[in-house]
């Protein structure tokens, strides 16, 4: 399945039905008067969050959504039928923007949550509305109002509490495989992960916490280098970031600096997000070298450095406990 997290769509609400000119003609009722009904209201376009959708893939094939029009009025003061609203399903975590002025319209984060994005037109008036003492037989009516039309940008931001970030091949996908039942692709070359992956990690209480594995970042990612910054939006909702540093890299300290620099370039507020530092692949480095690296990273980033191995499981229980503690502290 393709992972699509940014699309543009067009929505068109229904037009209101026309009012009509009609007169009451009934036996034994002289001068029955006007009896033209109003037109029905056009249908609204409503976005609704659905729990069973994970991407915006459906909008790759259909980008225009049009609600039904209201029916015209009828004689005997019968109002035309109003059109039903058009419900468009989107995944939870979808932000909606108006392309005309880039205005933020809403954020759909919970299943069943709805957002009206286009309002249907009102129905026109029948000639009954124009009855007066001076005009006892009006012959005018109005047409229905047009429905609202909009161009929208839908932006999906994954709903995860913990985000795993790091340079390419730092072992993020291996870590999420070790912690959860998720099975992202793992290989020994950079940029193996091309899309964000989600995994649910069970707490000791039995509750599940959603982890997001974000594709690797390189220097200049915020300006479009590598995979660019397209997937950085998915960590904006996370409550805690886990910075994964590869212990076997040529310069792990520099990798940590690059990571922080790219986060700051994309969204400076991400640097204020609670975060943990983990030194991965500890099984592939000699003990003395590993201790020196951990001490250097601790001093440089002013926070403890957890030594782990996603392959062997070394230090993972301690890392999970620190994650639960930090989440509890920032809740």
Foldseek 3Di string as FASTA:
>chain_A
DDAAFKDKAKEFWAWWAWWAWDFDDDPPDPLRFTFIAWWAWTAFEKEFAAAPDDHPVVCVVPRYYYTYYTHYTDGNHRYTHYTYHHYDYDHAQKWKAFPVVRHTQDHGHDGGDMGTDKGTWHTKGYCVVVDDPVPRRDHDIGGIGTIGMTMMMIGGADAFAEEEAFAFPLCLQLQLVLQFVDHQDDDNDGQSDLAKDWGWGADPVRDTGIYIYFHHDDACLCVPPDVRCSRVSNCPNYQEYEYRFELPDPDRLVRVVRRLVSNCSNPVCVVVRHYAYEHEPLVVDDPVSVVVVQVVNCVVVVHGYQYAYSVVGPRVVVVVVVVVVVVVVRD
